[in-house]
Amino acid sequence: MHPMTRRALLVLIACVAIAAPAAALASTGTTGNTAGSHTIVLQNLRFHPGTLTIKRGESVTWVWHDGNIAHNVTGPGFHSRTQSHGSFTVRFTHTGTFDYRCTIHMAEGMIGKIIVR
């Protein structure tokens, strides 16, 4: 084998050896969320998902996607401002079940639950 071909082959093998573990790590995780971070979307007068199970220490970010309809997120020990766009994040440091709601649209069924294990 020609020395230049051999050198190119060794460089290619080294690049693959470095890239393979990185690609494997990048493909792990949960549905596009960063480890320890979860998203709930406010849309159509609902929280999506309505119930979410997480681990203690993880964060939940509520994201408003309901046009110009104003909502809030209110639960035990947390309360967002009333807004029609943006986000609100809470880190859950204790285990338990945390029921929350939009105080404006609770009668329409805009309630949710975070279960922290």
Protein backbone atom coordinates (compact mmCIF):
# COMPACT_ATOMS: atom_id res chain seq x y z
CA MET A 1 0.00 0.00 0.00
CA HIS A 2 1.28 3.47 -0.88
CA PRO A 3 2.42 5.45 2.22
CA MET A 4 0.04 8.36 1.46
CA THR A 5 -2.92 5.99 1.09
CA ARG A 6 -1.97 4.27 4.32
CA ARG A 7 -1.75 7.62 6.15
CA ALA A 8 -5.13 8.75 4.79
CA LEU A 9 -6.67 5.45 5.85
CA LEU A 10 -5.28 5.80 9.39
CA VAL A 11 -6.62 9.37 9.65
CA LEU A 12 -10.04 8.17 8.47
CA ILE A 13 -10.06 5.35 11.05
CA ALA A 14 -9.09 7.79 13.81
CA CYS A 15 -11.89 10.19 12.83
CA VAL A 16 -14.46 7.41 12.85
CA ALA A 17 -13.22 6.19 16.24
CA ILE A 18 -13.65 9.68 17.69
CA ALA A 19 -17.00 10.44 16.03
CA ALA A 20 -18.77 7.13 16.78
CA PRO A 21 -19.00 7.56 20.59
CA ALA A 22 -20.11 11.18 20.18
CA ALA A 23 -22.88 10.15 17.79
CA ALA A 24 -24.02 7.44 20.20
CA LEU A 25 -24.20 9.93 23.07
CA ALA A 26 -26.08 12.45 20.96
CA SER A 27 -28.77 9.91 20.12
CA THR A 28 -29.61 9.14 23.74
CA GLY A 29 -32.07 11.17 25.79
CA THR A 30 -35.82 11.65 25.99
CA THR A 31 -37.88 12.96 23.08
CA GLY A 32 -35.68 15.90 22.26
CA ASN A 33 -35.48 17.25 25.79
CA THR A 34 -32.24 18.00 27.53
CA ALA A 35 -31.73 15.56 30.41
CA GLY A 36 -33.55 16.94 33.42
CA SER A 37 -35.68 19.34 31.42
CA HIS A 38 -39.26 18.83 30.20
CA THR A 39 -41.68 20.97 28.21
CA ILE A 40 -45.43 21.42 28.54
CA VAL A 41 -47.24 23.36 25.81
CA LEU A 42 -50.27 25.56 26.53
CA GLN A 43 -52.52 25.22 23.49
CA ASN A 44 -56.25 24.93 22.76
CA LEU A 45 -57.08 25.75 26.41
CA ARG A 46 -55.11 22.68 27.58
CA PHE A 47 -51.72 21.68 28.93
CA HIS A 48 -49.93 19.17 26.65
CA PRO A 49 -49.16 16.71 28.18
CA GLY A 50 -51.76 17.00 30.93
CA THR A 51 -49.83 14.71 33.27
CA LEU A 52 -46.05 14.50 33.36
CA THR A 53 -43.83 12.24 35.48
CA ILE A 54 -40.31 13.51 36.19
CA LYS A 55 -37.40 12.85 38.54
CA ARG A 56 -36.69 14.98 41.61
CA GLY A 57 -34.42 17.88 40.65
CA GLU A 58 -35.67 18.13 37.08
CA SER A 59 -37.25 21.22 35.55
CA VAL A 60 -40.50 21.79 33.70
CA THR A 61 -40.92 24.66 31.25
CA TRP A 62 -44.42 25.69 30.20
CA VAL A 63 -44.49 27.29 26.74
CA TRP A 64 -47.39 29.43 25.51
CA HIS A 65 -48.65 28.52 22.00
CA ASP A 66 -52.31 29.53 22.17
CA GLY A 67 -52.43 32.58 19.94
CA ASN A 68 -53.26 35.71 21.87
CA ILE A 69 -55.16 33.89 24.62
CA ALA A 70 -53.72 34.78 28.03
CA HIS A 71 -53.03 32.00 30.53
CA ASN A 72 -51.16 31.47 33.78
CA VAL A 73 -49.68 28.42 35.49
CA THR A 74 -50.59 28.19 39.18
CA GLY A 75 -49.64 25.37 41.50
CA PRO A 76 -48.51 24.78 45.07
CA GLY A 77 -45.59 27.15 45.62
CA PHE A 78 -45.41 28.52 42.06
CA HIS A 79 -47.36 31.01 39.96
CA SER A 80 -46.49 32.44 36.56
CA ARG A 81 -47.62 35.83 35.42
CA THR A 82 -50.66 35.95 33.15
CA GLN A 83 -49.32 36.09 29.60
CA SER A 84 -50.16 35.08 26.02
CA HIS A 85 -46.59 34.39 24.84
CA GLY A 86 -43.36 33.23 26.43
CA SER A 87 -42.42 30.56 28.93
CA PHE A 88 -42.22 29.80 32.64
CA THR A 89 -39.87 27.29 34.31
CA VAL A 90 -40.02 25.52 37.68
CA ARG A 91 -37.43 23.15 39.13
CA PHE A 92 -39.04 20.44 41.29
CA THR A 93 -36.80 19.64 44.28
CA HIS A 94 -39.28 17.52 46.27
CA THR A 95 -41.06 14.28 45.43
CA GLY A 96 -44.84 14.27 45.28
CA THR A 97 -47.79 15.08 43.08
CA PHE A 98 -48.29 18.70 42.12
CA ASP A 99 -51.66 19.67 40.64
CA TYR A 100 -51.65 22.96 38.76
CA ARG A 101 -54.08 25.00 36.68
CA CYS A 102 -54.70 28.11 34.65
CA THR A 103 -56.82 30.16 37.03
CA ILE A 104 -58.48 31.90 34.08
CA HIS A 105 -59.58 28.71 32.29
CA MET A 106 -59.87 26.15 35.08
CA ALA A 107 -63.64 25.86 34.51
CA GLU A 108 -62.89 24.88 30.89
CA GLY A 109 -60.67 22.03 32.13
CA MET A 110 -57.25 23.67 31.89
CA ILE A 111 -55.59 21.64 34.65
CA GLY A 112 -52.46 19.56 34.83
CA LYS A 113 -50.36 17.38 37.09
CA ILE A 114 -46.64 16.90 37.68
CA ILE A 115 -45.60 13.67 39.41
CA VAL A 116 -42.11 13.88 40.87
CA ARG A 117 -40.40 10.60 41.78
